[in-house]
Amino acid sequence: MKTIYLRRTLLNRCPRCGKGPVLKNLFHRFEECSECKLVYSREDGFFIGGIPISYGLICLLWIIPLLIAWSLDWLARDWFLGLCFGGAFALPILSYRYCQCLWLGLYFVFAEHEMPEEGEDSV
């Protein structure tokens, strides 16, 4: 049952019911599920957990492949630096809300006991 929370948030769905979206668009998140009324934020500062997820994904999927390409001379130094700095500014902005969505799913994977039952107060 635990991994279903993460699977649902990977698809931008409520971790409890799997129906309502978590993200409105690339830059905005809903405060609660439109279907089951689960309040997404568990406490003040809850979604700061999306920052290390964003950092990890950018390193894994952007910086490391660029370093490998540069070290194998597949990429000129100017291109390497431009892509690194461009990605360093653009990717966190573009990925942060989705990483908040992933954080929500991971939170309930490891703290399943905090998932309120449908119908009870979500906070």
N, C-alpha and C. Protein backbone atom coordinates (compact mmCIF):
# COMPACT_ATOMS: atom_id res chain seq x y z
N MET A 1 0.83 -1.20 0.00
CA MET A 1 0.00 0.00 0.00
C MET A 1 0.86 1.26 0.00
N LYS A 2 2.02 1.21 0.66
CA LYS A 2 2.85 2.39 0.78
C LYS A 2 3.27 2.98 -0.56
N THR A 3 3.72 2.14 -1.48
CA THR A 3 4.25 2.66 -2.73
C THR A 3 3.18 3.27 -3.62
N ILE A 4 1.93 2.98 -3.36
CA ILE A 4 0.87 3.56 -4.16
C ILE A 4 0.81 5.08 -3.98
N TYR A 5 1.19 5.58 -2.80
CA TYR A 5 1.21 7.02 -2.57
C TYR A 5 2.21 7.69 -3.51
N LEU A 6 3.39 7.11 -3.63
CA LEU A 6 4.41 7.67 -4.51
C LEU A 6 3.99 7.54 -5.97
N ARG A 7 3.43 6.41 -6.33
CA ARG A 7 2.98 6.20 -7.72
C ARG A 7 1.94 7.23 -8.11
N ARG A 8 1.01 7.51 -7.21
CA ARG A 8 -0.05 8.49 -7.51
C ARG A 8 0.53 9.88 -7.68
N THR A 9 1.47 10.26 -6.80
CA THR A 9 2.03 11.61 -6.92
C THR A 9 2.94 11.74 -8.13
N LEU A 10 3.56 10.65 -8.56
CA LEU A 10 4.33 10.71 -9.81
C LEU A 10 3.43 11.08 -10.99
N LEU A 11 2.17 10.69 -10.90
CA LEU A 11 1.19 11.00 -11.94
C LEU A 11 0.40 12.27 -11.64
N ASN A 12 0.87 13.07 -10.65
CA ASN A 12 0.21 14.32 -10.26
C ASN A 12 -1.21 14.08 -9.75
N ARG A 13 -1.37 13.08 -8.91
CA ARG A 13 -2.66 12.77 -8.32
C ARG A 13 -2.56 12.78 -6.80
N CYS A 14 -3.68 12.96 -6.16
CA CYS A 14 -3.76 12.95 -4.70
C CYS A 14 -3.24 11.61 -4.19
N PRO A 15 -2.38 11.62 -3.17
CA PRO A 15 -1.86 10.34 -2.67
C PRO A 15 -2.93 9.47 -2.01
N ARG A 16 -4.00 10.07 -1.49
CA ARG A 16 -5.03 9.28 -0.80
C ARG A 16 -6.03 8.67 -1.79
N CYS A 17 -6.66 9.49 -2.62
CA CYS A 17 -7.72 8.96 -3.49
C CYS A 17 -7.25 8.67 -4.91
N GLY A 18 -6.18 9.30 -5.34
CA GLY A 18 -5.66 9.08 -6.69
C GLY A 18 -6.46 9.77 -7.78
N LYS A 19 -7.38 10.66 -7.41
CA LYS A 19 -8.25 11.30 -8.41
C LYS A 19 -7.92 12.77 -8.62
N GLY A 20 -7.89 13.56 -7.56
CA GLY A 20 -7.65 14.99 -7.67
C GLY A 20 -6.20 15.31 -7.97
N PRO A 21 -5.94 16.34 -8.77
CA PRO A 21 -4.55 16.72 -9.06
C PRO A 21 -3.91 17.45 -7.88
N VAL A 22 -2.61 17.35 -7.79
CA VAL A 22 -1.85 18.08 -6.77
C VAL A 22 -1.39 19.42 -7.36
N LEU A 23 -0.96 19.39 -8.61
CA LEU A 23 -0.44 20.60 -9.25
C LEU A 23 -1.46 21.19 -10.21
N LYS A 24 -1.64 22.52 -10.10
CA LYS A 24 -2.49 23.25 -11.05
C LYS A 24 -1.79 23.37 -12.40
N ASN A 25 -0.54 23.81 -12.33
CA ASN A 25 0.31 23.94 -13.51
C ASN A 25 1.76 23.90 -13.05
N LEU A 26 2.67 24.30 -13.90
CA LEU A 26 4.08 24.20 -13.60
C LEU A 26 4.50 25.05 -12.40
N PHE A 27 3.76 26.11 -12.11
CA PHE A 27 4.17 27.03 -11.06
C PHE A 27 3.22 27.12 -9.87
N HIS A 28 2.11 26.39 -9.89
CA HIS A 28 1.13 26.49 -8.80
C HIS A 28 0.65 25.11 -8.35
N ARG A 29 0.39 25.00 -7.05
CA ARG A 29 -0.06 23.76 -6.45
C ARG A 29 -1.40 24.02 -5.76
N PHE A 30 -2.30 23.05 -5.82
CA PHE A 30 -3.55 23.14 -5.08
C PHE A 30 -3.26 22.96 -3.59
N GLU A 31 -4.08 23.57 -2.75
CA GLU A 31 -3.90 23.44 -1.31
C GLU A 31 -4.53 22.15 -0.78
N GLU A 32 -5.57 21.66 -1.47
CA GLU A 32 -6.23 20.42 -1.05
C GLU A 32 -6.76 19.68 -2.27
N CYS A 33 -7.06 18.41 -2.08
CA CYS A 33 -7.59 17.58 -3.15
C CYS A 33 -9.01 18.01 -3.48
N SER A 34 -9.32 18.13 -4.74
CA SER A 34 -10.66 18.53 -5.16
C SER A 34 -11.68 17.41 -4.94
N GLU A 35 -11.23 16.18 -4.80
CA GLU A 35 -12.13 15.04 -4.63
C GLU A 35 -12.34 14.66 -3.17
N CYS A 36 -11.25 14.36 -2.46
CA CYS A 36 -11.38 13.84 -1.09
C CYS A 36 -11.07 14.89 -0.02
N LYS A 37 -10.68 16.09 -0.44
CA LYS A 37 -10.40 17.22 0.46
C LYS A 37 -9.20 17.01 1.39
N LEU A 38 -8.26 16.15 1.00
CA LEU A 38 -7.02 15.99 1.76
C LEU A 38 -6.22 17.28 1.63
N VAL A 39 -5.85 17.87 2.77
CA VAL A 39 -5.01 19.07 2.76
C VAL A 39 -3.58 18.60 2.52
N TYR A 40 -2.96 19.12 1.45
CA TYR A 40 -1.64 18.62 1.06
C TYR A 40 -0.53 19.05 2.01
N SER A 41 -0.55 20.26 2.48
CA SER A 41 0.50 20.74 3.37
C SER A 41 0.26 20.18 4.78
N ARG A 42 1.25 19.51 5.32
CA ARG A 42 1.10 18.90 6.63
C ARG A 42 1.39 19.88 7.76
N GLU A 43 2.26 20.85 7.53
CA GLU A 43 2.63 21.87 8.52
C GLU A 43 3.34 23.00 7.79
N ASP A 44 3.61 24.09 8.48
CA ASP A 44 4.34 25.20 7.86
C ASP A 44 5.72 24.71 7.42
N GLY A 45 6.10 25.06 6.22
CA GLY A 45 7.40 24.67 5.69
C GLY A 45 7.47 23.24 5.21
N PHE A 46 6.34 22.56 5.13
CA PHE A 46 6.33 21.14 4.74
C PHE A 46 6.97 20.92 3.37
N PHE A 47 6.67 21.77 2.42
CA PHE A 47 7.11 21.53 1.05
C PHE A 47 8.56 21.94 0.79
N ILE A 48 9.27 22.38 1.83
CA ILE A 48 10.70 22.63 1.67
C ILE A 48 11.42 21.32 1.35
N GLY A 49 10.80 20.21 1.69
CA GLY A 49 11.36 18.89 1.36
C GLY A 49 11.52 18.66 -0.12
N GLY A 50 10.84 19.48 -0.95
CA GLY A 50 11.01 19.36 -2.40
C GLY A 50 12.36 19.86 -2.88
N ILE A 51 13.03 20.68 -2.07
CA ILE A 51 14.32 21.25 -2.48
C ILE A 51 15.39 20.16 -2.65
N PRO A 52 15.62 19.28 -1.65
CA PRO A 52 16.64 18.25 -1.88
C PRO A 52 16.27 17.27 -2.99
N ILE A 53 14.99 17.05 -3.19
CA ILE A 53 14.58 16.17 -4.29
C ILE A 53 14.92 16.83 -5.62
N SER A 54 14.62 18.12 -5.74
CA SER A 54 14.96 18.87 -6.95
C SER A 54 16.48 18.84 -7.18
N TYR A 55 17.23 19.10 -6.14
CA TYR A 55 18.69 19.09 -6.23
C TYR A 55 19.21 17.73 -6.70
N GLY A 56 18.71 16.67 -6.08
CA GLY A 56 19.15 15.33 -6.43
C GLY A 56 18.82 14.96 -7.87
N LEU A 57 17.61 15.29 -8.30
CA LEU A 57 17.21 14.97 -9.68
C LEU A 57 18.03 15.76 -10.70
N ILE A 58 18.30 17.03 -10.40
CA ILE A 58 19.09 17.84 -11.33
C ILE A 58 20.52 17.31 -11.42
N CYS A 59 21.09 16.95 -10.28
CA CYS A 59 22.44 16.37 -10.31
C CYS A 59 22.47 15.06 -11.08
N LEU A 60 21.51 14.20 -10.79
CA LEU A 60 21.48 12.88 -11.40
C LEU A 60 21.17 12.93 -12.90
N LEU A 61 20.21 13.76 -13.29
CA LEU A 61 19.74 13.75 -14.67
C LEU A 61 20.33 14.85 -15.56
N TRP A 62 21.04 15.82 -14.95
CA TRP A 62 21.58 16.92 -15.76
C TRP A 62 23.09 17.08 -15.59
N ILE A 63 23.54 17.29 -14.36
CA ILE A 63 24.95 17.61 -14.12
C ILE A 63 25.86 16.41 -14.40
N ILE A 64 25.53 15.24 -13.88
CA ILE A 64 26.37 14.06 -14.09
C ILE A 64 26.49 13.69 -15.56
N PRO A 65 25.37 13.65 -16.33
CA PRO A 65 25.53 13.38 -17.76
C PRO A 65 26.38 14.45 -18.48
N LEU A 66 26.26 15.71 -18.08
CA LEU A 66 27.10 16.75 -18.69
C LEU A 66 28.57 16.54 -18.34
N LEU A 67 28.85 16.21 -17.10
CA LEU A 67 30.24 15.94 -16.70
C LEU A 67 30.83 14.76 -17.47
N ILE A 68 30.04 13.73 -17.66
CA ILE A 68 30.51 12.56 -18.43
C ILE A 68 30.77 12.95 -19.87
N ALA A 69 29.83 13.68 -20.47
CA ALA A 69 30.00 14.11 -21.87
C ALA A 69 31.23 15.01 -22.02
N TRP A 70 31.45 15.90 -21.06
CA TRP A 70 32.61 16.79 -21.13
C TRP A 70 33.91 16.03 -20.93
N SER A 71 33.92 15.08 -19.98
CA SER A 71 35.15 14.33 -19.72
C SER A 71 35.52 13.40 -20.88
N LEU A 72 34.54 12.98 -21.65
CA LEU A 72 34.81 12.15 -22.83
C LEU A 72 35.03 12.98 -24.09
N ASP A 73 35.12 14.29 -23.94
CA ASP A 73 35.33 15.23 -25.06
C ASP A 73 34.20 15.19 -26.09
N TRP A 74 33.01 14.91 -25.64
CA TRP A 74 31.85 14.97 -26.53
C TRP A 74 31.25 16.37 -26.54
N LEU A 75 31.70 17.18 -25.61
CA LEU A 75 31.12 18.50 -25.40
C LEU A 75 32.25 19.50 -25.18
N ALA A 76 32.21 20.60 -25.93
CA ALA A 76 33.23 21.65 -25.76
C ALA A 76 33.04 22.33 -24.40
N ARG A 77 34.13 22.89 -23.89
CA ARG A 77 34.09 23.52 -22.57
C ARG A 77 33.07 24.65 -22.51
N ASP A 78 32.98 25.47 -23.56
CA ASP A 78 32.02 26.58 -23.56
C ASP A 78 30.58 26.08 -23.50
N TRP A 79 30.29 25.04 -24.25
CA TRP A 79 28.95 24.45 -24.22
C TRP A 79 28.67 23.84 -22.85
N PHE A 80 29.67 23.16 -22.32
CA PHE A 80 29.53 22.54 -21.00
C PHE A 80 29.19 23.58 -19.94
N LEU A 81 29.96 24.66 -19.90
CA LEU A 81 29.71 25.72 -18.91
C LEU A 81 28.35 26.39 -19.13
N GLY A 82 28.02 26.66 -20.39
CA GLY A 82 26.72 27.28 -20.69
C GLY A 82 25.55 26.40 -20.27
N LEU A 83 25.64 25.12 -20.57
CA LEU A 83 24.56 24.20 -20.19
C LEU A 83 24.48 24.02 -18.67
N CYS A 84 25.63 23.98 -18.02
CA CYS A 84 25.62 23.86 -16.55
C CYS A 84 24.98 25.07 -15.90
N PHE A 85 25.41 26.27 -16.29
CA PHE A 85 24.85 27.48 -15.67
C PHE A 85 23.40 27.70 -16.08
N GLY A 86 23.08 27.43 -17.33
CA GLY A 86 21.69 27.56 -17.78
C GLY A 86 20.78 26.61 -17.04
N GLY A 87 21.23 25.36 -16.89
CA GLY A 87 20.45 24.38 -16.14
C GLY A 87 20.36 24.72 -14.67
N ALA A 88 21.43 25.30 -14.12
CA ALA A 88 21.44 25.67 -12.70
C ALA A 88 20.39 26.73 -12.39
N PHE A 89 20.09 27.58 -13.35
CA PHE A 89 19.07 28.60 -13.13
C PHE A 89 17.67 28.15 -13.55
N ALA A 90 17.56 27.48 -14.68
CA ALA A 90 16.24 27.15 -15.22
C ALA A 90 15.62 25.90 -14.60
N LEU A 91 16.40 24.85 -14.42
CA LEU A 91 15.82 23.58 -13.96
C LEU A 91 15.21 23.63 -12.57
N PRO A 92 15.82 24.30 -11.58
CA PRO A 92 15.14 24.36 -10.27
C PRO A 92 13.80 25.08 -10.34
N ILE A 93 13.72 26.12 -11.15
CA ILE A 93 12.46 26.85 -11.30
C ILE A 93 11.40 25.97 -11.96
N LEU A 94 11.81 25.25 -12.98
CA LEU A 94 10.86 24.42 -13.73
C LEU A 94 10.47 23.14 -12.99
N SER A 95 11.34 22.63 -12.13
CA SER A 95 11.07 21.34 -11.51
C SER A 95 10.58 21.42 -10.07
N TYR A 96 10.63 22.59 -9.44
CA TYR A 96 10.38 22.66 -8.01
C TYR A 96 8.96 22.21 -7.62
N ARG A 97 7.94 22.65 -8.32
CA ARG A 97 6.57 22.25 -7.95
C ARG A 97 6.37 20.74 -8.11
N TYR A 98 6.93 20.19 -9.19
CA TYR A 98 6.80 18.74 -9.37
C TYR A 98 7.55 18.00 -8.26
N CYS A 99 8.68 18.54 -7.83
CA CYS A 99 9.43 17.92 -6.74
C CYS A 99 8.66 18.03 -5.43
N GLN A 100 7.86 19.08 -5.27
CA GLN A 100 6.99 19.16 -4.09
C GLN A 100 5.96 18.04 -4.14
N CYS A 101 5.46 17.76 -5.32
CA CYS A 101 4.50 16.67 -5.51
C CYS A 101 5.16 15.33 -5.14
N LEU A 102 6.40 15.12 -5.58
CA LEU A 102 7.12 13.90 -5.23
C LEU A 102 7.37 13.82 -3.73
N TRP A 103 7.68 14.96 -3.12
CA TRP A 103 7.90 14.99 -1.67
C TRP A 103 6.64 14.56 -0.92
N LEU A 104 5.49 15.01 -1.38
CA LEU A 104 4.23 14.63 -0.75
C LEU A 104 4.06 13.11 -0.79
N GLY A 105 4.33 12.50 -1.93
CA GLY A 105 4.23 11.05 -2.04
C GLY A 105 5.24 10.32 -1.17
N LEU A 106 6.48 10.79 -1.15
CA LEU A 106 7.51 10.17 -0.32
C LEU A 106 7.18 10.29 1.17
N TYR A 107 6.62 11.42 1.54
CA TYR A 107 6.25 11.63 2.94
C TYR A 107 5.29 10.54 3.41
N PHE A 108 4.27 10.26 2.60
CA PHE A 108 3.29 9.26 3.01
C PHE A 108 3.80 7.83 2.85
N VAL A 109 4.83 7.63 2.03
CA VAL A 109 5.45 6.30 1.97
C VAL A 109 6.11 5.99 3.30
N PHE A 110 6.79 6.98 3.89
CA PHE A 110 7.52 6.74 5.13
C PHE A 110 6.72 7.08 6.38
N ALA A 111 5.63 7.82 6.24
CA ALA A 111 4.78 8.17 7.39
C ALA A 111 3.34 7.82 7.08
N GLU A 112 3.13 6.58 6.67
CA GLU A 112 1.80 6.13 6.27
C GLU A 112 0.78 6.29 7.39
N HIS A 113 1.22 6.18 8.63
CA HIS A 113 0.31 6.32 9.77
C HIS A 113 -0.28 7.73 9.88
N GLU A 114 0.31 8.71 9.20
CA GLU A 114 -0.20 10.07 9.24
C GLU A 114 -1.23 10.36 8.15
N MET A 115 -1.49 9.39 7.28
CA MET A 115 -2.49 9.58 6.24
C MET A 115 -3.87 9.52 6.87
N PRO A 116 -4.61 10.65 6.86
CA PRO A 116 -5.95 10.62 7.45
C PRO A 116 -6.90 9.77 6.60
N GLU A 117 -7.81 9.11 7.27
CA GLU A 117 -8.82 8.33 6.55
C GLU A 117 -9.75 9.29 5.82
N GLU A 118 -10.31 8.82 4.73
CA GLU A 118 -11.25 9.68 3.98
C GLU A 118 -12.44 9.99 4.87
N GLY A 119 -12.80 11.27 4.90
CA GLY A 119 -13.94 11.70 5.71
C GLY A 119 -13.54 12.31 7.03
N GLU A 120 -12.33 11.99 7.54
CA GLU A 120 -11.91 12.62 8.78
C GLU A 120 -11.12 13.88 8.46
N ASP A 121 -10.96 14.75 9.43
CA ASP A 121 -10.28 16.03 9.25
C ASP A 121 -8.86 15.75 8.79
N SER A 122 -8.43 16.40 7.70
CA SER A 122 -7.15 16.11 7.07
C SER A 122 -5.96 16.72 7.77
N VAL A 123 -6.13 17.70 8.60
CA VAL A 123 -4.97 18.36 9.20
C VAL A 123 -4.81 17.94 10.64
